[in-house]
Amino acid sequence: QIQLVESGGGLVQAGGSLRLSCAASGRTFSLYVMGWFRQAPGKDREFVARIDWSGRSTNYADSVKGRFTISRDNAKNTVYLQMNNLKPEDTAVYYCAQGMGVRWDYWGQGTQVTVST
C-alpha cells in the first residue's frame, strides 16, 4: 500500500519559517519525482515545487522562488519543503505528491500552514 504522510505544518508569523516533511512508503522512493502543491480556501490546488529522483533537478512556482527549497533524502524515503520568509498568502493546505513529473499518481492527506500578519 502506497502512503504519503505530511507533517510539519502549523501557525507561524509572517517572516517566519517552517519545514514540511513527507514520508513515503509502499514503493521504491528513489525512482519517482516528488512534488509539493498547496490549496488555499476557495482556490484551486496549485503547484509549489518538484524534485527529480536524484535531487539534482528542482523547479519552483514563481511565487515561492528564493523563499522555498525542496529537497529529498532517498535513504529516509522523505521529501522536504523548507519555507522561509513566509507570507500570509502562503496560507494553505500543503500536499506532497509522487509520480513521474507529468502525472502525479499518489497524494498525501495534506498539512495546514497558516501564516499570520
C-alpha atoms as a PDB file:
ATOM      1  CA  GLN A   1       0.000   0.000   0.000  1.00  0.00           C
ATOM      2  CA  ILE A   2       1.450   3.323  -1.072  1.00  0.00           C
ATOM      3  CA  GLN A   3       1.278   6.092   1.505  1.00  0.00           C
ATOM      4  CA  LEU A   4       2.458   9.671   1.672  1.00  0.00           C
ATOM      5  CA  VAL A   5       2.291  11.293   5.101  1.00  0.00           C
ATOM      6  CA  GLU A   6       2.978  15.004   5.520  1.00  0.00           C
ATOM      7  CA  SER A   7       3.998  16.688   8.744  1.00  0.00           C
ATOM      8  CA  GLY A   8       5.442  19.955   9.958  1.00  0.00           C
ATOM      9  CA  GLY A   9       2.606  22.343   9.289  1.00  0.00           C
ATOM     10  CA  GLY A  10       1.410  24.870  11.817  1.00  0.00           C
ATOM     11  CA  LEU A  11       0.852  28.512  12.672  1.00  0.00           C
ATOM     12  CA  VAL A  12       3.694  30.962  12.103  1.00  0.00           C
ATOM     13  CA  GLN A  13       4.032  34.721  11.940  1.00  0.00           C
ATOM     14  CA  ALA A  14       4.817  36.463   8.685  1.00  0.00           C
ATOM     15  CA  GLY A  15       8.552  36.356   8.047  1.00  0.00           C
ATOM     16  CA  GLY A  16       8.923  33.077   9.891  1.00  0.00           C
ATOM     17  CA  SER A  17       9.933  29.631   8.691  1.00  0.00           C
ATOM     18  CA  LEU A  18       8.549  26.122   8.617  1.00  0.00           C
ATOM     19  CA  ARG A  19       9.889  22.828   7.337  1.00  0.00           C
ATOM     20  CA  LEU A  20       7.436  20.343   5.925  1.00  0.00           C
ATOM     21  CA  SER A  21       8.239  16.659   5.610  1.00  0.00           C
ATOM     22  CA  CYS A  22       6.588  13.939   3.579  1.00  0.00           C
ATOM     23  CA  ALA A  23       7.379  10.332   4.385  1.00  0.00           C
ATOM     24  CA  ALA A  24       6.669   7.871   1.599  1.00  0.00           C
ATOM     25  CA  SER A  25       6.188   4.121   1.727  1.00  0.00           C
ATOM     26  CA  GLY A  26       4.960   1.298  -0.445  1.00  0.00           C
ATOM     27  CA  ARG A  27       7.233   1.524  -3.463  1.00  0.00           C
ATOM     28  CA  THR A  28      10.832   2.413  -4.321  1.00  0.00           C
ATOM     29  CA  PHE A  29      11.040   6.069  -3.375  1.00  0.00           C
ATOM     30  CA  SER A  30      14.181   6.882  -5.351  1.00  0.00           C
ATOM     31  CA  LEU A  31      12.526   6.014  -8.675  1.00  0.00           C
ATOM     32  CA  TYR A  32       9.969   8.800  -8.528  1.00  0.00           C
ATOM     33  CA  VAL A  33       9.649  12.539  -8.848  1.00  0.00           C
ATOM     34  CA  MET A  34       8.265  14.211  -5.738  1.00  0.00           C
ATOM     35  CA  GLY A  35       6.286  17.407  -5.613  1.00  0.00           C
ATOM     36  CA  TRP A  36       4.614  19.842  -3.265  1.00  0.00           C
ATOM     37  CA  PHE A  37       1.300  21.500  -4.012  1.00  0.00           C
ATOM     38  CA  ARG A  38      -0.974  23.759  -1.988  1.00  0.00           C
ATOM     39  CA  GLN A  39      -4.603  24.731  -1.861  1.00  0.00           C
ATOM     40  CA  ALA A  40      -5.854  27.887  -0.231  1.00  0.00           C
ATOM     41  CA  PRO A  41      -9.506  28.304   0.795  1.00  0.00           C
ATOM     42  CA  GLY A  42     -11.684  28.941  -2.232  1.00  0.00           C
ATOM     43  CA  LYS A  43      -8.833  28.393  -4.680  1.00  0.00           C
ATOM     44  CA  ASP A  44      -7.659  25.587  -6.919  1.00  0.00           C
ATOM     45  CA  ARG A  45      -4.745  23.384  -5.942  1.00  0.00           C
ATOM     46  CA  GLU A  46      -1.519  24.878  -7.291  1.00  0.00           C
ATOM     47  CA  PHE A  47       1.988  23.646  -7.941  1.00  0.00           C
ATOM     48  CA  VAL A  48       4.682  24.736  -5.479  1.00  0.00           C
ATOM     49  CA  ALA A  49       7.838  22.734  -6.193  1.00  0.00           C
ATOM     50  CA  ARG A  50       9.137  19.469  -7.587  1.00  0.00           C
ATOM     51  CA  ILE A  51      12.352  17.488  -7.382  1.00  0.00           C
ATOM     52  CA  ASP A  52      13.639  14.723  -9.618  1.00  0.00           C
ATOM     53  CA  TRP A  53      14.608  11.268  -8.416  1.00  0.00           C
ATOM     54  CA  SER A  54      18.251  12.222  -7.843  1.00  0.00           C
ATOM     55  CA  GLY A  55      17.606  15.518  -6.113  1.00  0.00           C
ATOM     56  CA  ARG A  56      19.742  17.379  -8.648  1.00  0.00           C
ATOM     57  CA  SER A  57      16.892  18.997 -10.580  1.00  0.00           C
ATOM     58  CA  THR A  58      14.265  21.200  -8.962  1.00  0.00           C
ATOM     59  CA  ASN A  59      11.512  23.503 -10.169  1.00  0.00           C
ATOM     60  CA  TYR A  60       9.528  26.142  -8.286  1.00  0.00           C
ATOM     61  CA  ALA A  61       6.463  28.264  -8.746  1.00  0.00           C
ATOM     62  CA  ASP A  62       7.391  31.892  -9.294  1.00  0.00           C
ATOM     63  CA  SER A  63       5.554  32.857  -6.112  1.00  0.00           C
ATOM     64  CA  VAL A  64       7.930  30.848  -3.903  1.00  0.00           C
ATOM     65  CA  LYS A  65      11.257  31.120  -5.746  1.00  0.00           C
ATOM     66  CA  GLY A  66      14.026  32.306  -3.452  1.00  0.00           C
ATOM     67  CA  ARG A  67      11.973  31.560  -0.324  1.00  0.00           C
ATOM     68  CA  PHE A  68      11.183  27.821  -0.502  1.00  0.00           C
ATOM     69  CA  THR A  69      13.603  24.928  -1.008  1.00  0.00           C
ATOM     70  CA  ILE A  70      12.637  21.381  -1.877  1.00  0.00           C
ATOM     71  CA  SER A  71      14.995  18.531  -1.040  1.00  0.00           C
ATOM     72  CA  ARG A  72      14.876  14.788  -0.580  1.00  0.00           C
ATOM     73  CA  ASP A  73      16.627  12.050   1.344  1.00  0.00           C
ATOM     74  CA  ASN A  74      16.273   8.809  -0.570  1.00  0.00           C
ATOM     75  CA  ALA A  75      17.735   6.831   2.325  1.00  0.00           C
ATOM     76  CA  LYS A  76      14.878   8.041   4.504  1.00  0.00           C
ATOM     77  CA  ASN A  77      12.174   7.948   1.804  1.00  0.00           C
ATOM     78  CA  THR A  78      11.369  11.539   2.672  1.00  0.00           C
ATOM     79  CA  VAL A  79      10.933  14.792   0.782  1.00  0.00           C
ATOM     80  CA  TYR A  80      11.151  18.172   2.489  1.00  0.00           C
ATOM     81  CA  LEU A  81       9.959  21.693   1.852  1.00  0.00           C
ATOM     82  CA  GLN A  82      11.877  24.389   3.703  1.00  0.00           C
ATOM     83  CA  MET A  83       9.770  27.534   3.719  1.00  0.00           C
ATOM     84  CA  ASN A  84      11.407  30.823   4.717  1.00  0.00           C
ATOM     85  CA  ASN A  85      10.139  34.386   4.814  1.00  0.00           C
ATOM     86  CA  LEU A  86       6.573  33.146   4.907  1.00  0.00           C
ATOM     87  CA  LYS A  87       3.796  35.475   3.844  1.00  0.00           C
ATOM     88  CA  PRO A  88       0.072  35.463   4.686  1.00  0.00           C
ATOM     89  CA  GLU A  89      -0.634  34.472   1.080  1.00  0.00           C
ATOM     90  CA  ASP A  90       1.284  31.226   1.696  1.00  0.00           C
ATOM     91  CA  THR A  91      -1.560  30.102   3.978  1.00  0.00           C
ATOM     92  CA  ALA A  92      -2.924  26.855   2.556  1.00  0.00           C
ATOM     93  CA  VAL A  93      -3.116  23.116   2.954  1.00  0.00           C
ATOM     94  CA  TYR A  94       0.134  21.701   1.596  1.00  0.00           C
ATOM     95  CA  TYR A  95       0.162  18.331  -0.143  1.00  0.00           C
ATOM     96  CA  CYS A  96       3.023  16.165  -1.293  1.00  0.00           C
ATOM     97  CA  ALA A  97       2.674  14.067  -4.409  1.00  0.00           C
ATOM     98  CA  GLN A  98       4.602  11.278  -6.070  1.00  0.00           C
ATOM     99  CA  GLY A  99       4.766  10.401  -9.724  1.00  0.00           C
ATOM    100  CA  MET A 100       6.676  10.726 -12.925  1.00  0.00           C
ATOM    101  CA  GLY A 101       6.583  14.517 -13.012  1.00  0.00           C
ATOM    102  CA  VAL A 102       3.901  14.955 -15.631  1.00  0.00           C
ATOM    103  CA  ARG A 103       1.438  12.619 -13.978  1.00  0.00           C
ATOM    104  CA  TRP A 104       1.089  12.514 -10.214  1.00  0.00           C
ATOM    105  CA  ASP A 105      -0.022   9.092  -9.039  1.00  0.00           C
ATOM    106  CA  TYR A 106      -0.338   9.467  -5.294  1.00  0.00           C
ATOM    107  CA  TRP A 107      -1.109  12.266  -2.866  1.00  0.00           C
ATOM    108  CA  GLY A 108      -0.779  12.784   0.845  1.00  0.00           C
ATOM    109  CA  GLN A 109      -3.583  13.901   3.105  1.00  0.00           C
ATOM    110  CA  GLY A 110      -2.218  17.418   3.491  1.00  0.00           C
ATOM    111  CA  THR A 111      -0.875  19.569   6.297  1.00  0.00           C
ATOM    112  CA  GLN A 112      -2.183  23.017   7.203  1.00  0.00           C
ATOM    113  CA  VAL A 113       0.129  26.020   7.088  1.00  0.00           C
ATOM    114  CA  THR A 114      -1.233  29.277   8.472  1.00  0.00           C
ATOM    115  CA  VAL A 115       0.778  32.498   8.294  1.00  0.00           C
ATOM    116  CA  SER A 116      -0.455  35.337  10.468  1.00  0.00           C
ATOM    117  CA  THR A 117       0.216  39.044   9.981  1.00  0.00           C
END
